[in-house]
Amino acid sequence: MEVTARINIDSPTGCKLIREIEKHKKVAKIEYPLPEDISEQRTYTIEESYEECCKVLSDHYKVDVRKL
């Protein structure tokens, strides 16, 4: 069985609870949400990121950097 808890880590008590939970790695896993300012942004896989970087560099230098 799994339990989901919301802990406010802005308070010292919340931070203490998180530190205690983190000690038990075999039975507890902590997932931190993305900050609100980036939660709406698109995320990329490594391959997508590489392709996007190649595209930007190719456009900037007017050369296909994939062939270098």
Protein backbone atom coordinates (compact mmCIF):
# COMPACT_ATOMS: atom_id res chain seq x y z
CA MET A 1 0.00 0.00 0.00
CA GLU A 2 1.22 3.54 -0.75
CA VAL A 3 0.42 6.83 0.94
CA THR A 4 0.74 10.31 -0.54
CA ALA A 5 1.49 13.18 1.83
CA ARG A 6 1.94 16.89 1.22
CA ILE A 7 4.60 18.38 3.48
CA ASN A 8 5.32 22.10 3.62
CA ILE A 9 9.12 22.27 3.52
CA ASP A 10 9.13 26.02 4.19
CA SER A 11 8.90 25.28 7.90
CA PRO A 12 11.62 23.71 10.05
CA THR A 13 9.27 20.88 11.05
CA GLY A 14 8.56 20.06 7.40
CA CYS A 15 12.28 19.98 6.60
CA LYS A 16 12.88 17.69 9.58
CA LEU A 17 10.17 15.31 8.36
CA ILE A 18 11.67 15.18 4.86
CA ARG A 19 15.15 14.48 6.22
CA GLU A 20 13.75 11.63 8.30
CA ILE A 21 11.86 10.14 5.34
CA GLU A 22 14.97 10.38 3.11
CA LYS A 23 16.85 8.13 5.56
CA HIS A 24 14.60 5.19 4.61
CA LYS A 25 15.42 4.80 0.91
CA LYS A 26 14.18 1.20 0.67
CA VAL A 27 10.61 2.01 1.67
CA ALA A 28 10.19 5.72 0.88
CA LYS A 29 10.68 7.74 -2.28
CA ILE A 30 10.34 11.51 -2.36
CA GLU A 31 9.25 13.23 -5.57
CA TYR A 32 9.67 16.97 -5.75
CA PRO A 33 7.30 18.85 -8.08
CA LEU A 34 8.67 21.15 -10.75
CA PRO A 35 8.70 24.82 -9.79
CA GLU A 36 5.60 26.62 -11.04
CA ASP A 37 7.55 28.94 -13.35
CA ILE A 38 8.91 26.00 -15.39
CA SER A 39 6.08 23.48 -15.00
CA GLU A 40 4.34 24.82 -18.12
CA GLN A 41 7.49 24.74 -20.28
CA ARG A 42 8.20 21.96 -22.71
CA THR A 43 10.70 19.34 -21.64
CA TYR A 44 13.07 17.61 -24.06
CA THR A 45 14.63 14.17 -24.23
CA ILE A 46 18.40 13.98 -24.74
CA GLU A 47 17.93 13.23 -28.43
CA GLU A 48 15.49 16.10 -28.92
CA SER A 49 17.81 18.46 -27.06
CA TYR A 50 20.78 17.42 -29.21
CA GLU A 51 18.79 17.93 -32.41
CA GLU A 52 17.53 21.33 -31.26
CA CYS A 53 21.09 22.44 -30.40
CA CYS A 54 22.37 21.25 -33.78
CA LYS A 55 19.58 23.16 -35.51
CA VAL A 56 20.35 26.39 -33.61
CA LEU A 57 24.10 26.10 -34.28
CA SER A 58 23.56 25.22 -37.93
CA ASP A 59 21.29 28.23 -38.39
CA HIS A 60 23.72 30.53 -36.62
CA TYR A 61 26.91 29.43 -38.39
CA LYS A 62 25.21 28.64 -41.75
CA VAL A 63 26.84 25.19 -41.72
CA ASP A 64 25.36 21.76 -40.98
CA VAL A 65 27.13 21.02 -37.67
CA ARG A 66 25.96 17.38 -37.79
CA LYS A 67 28.44 16.76 -40.61
CA LEU A 68 31.46 18.28 -38.82
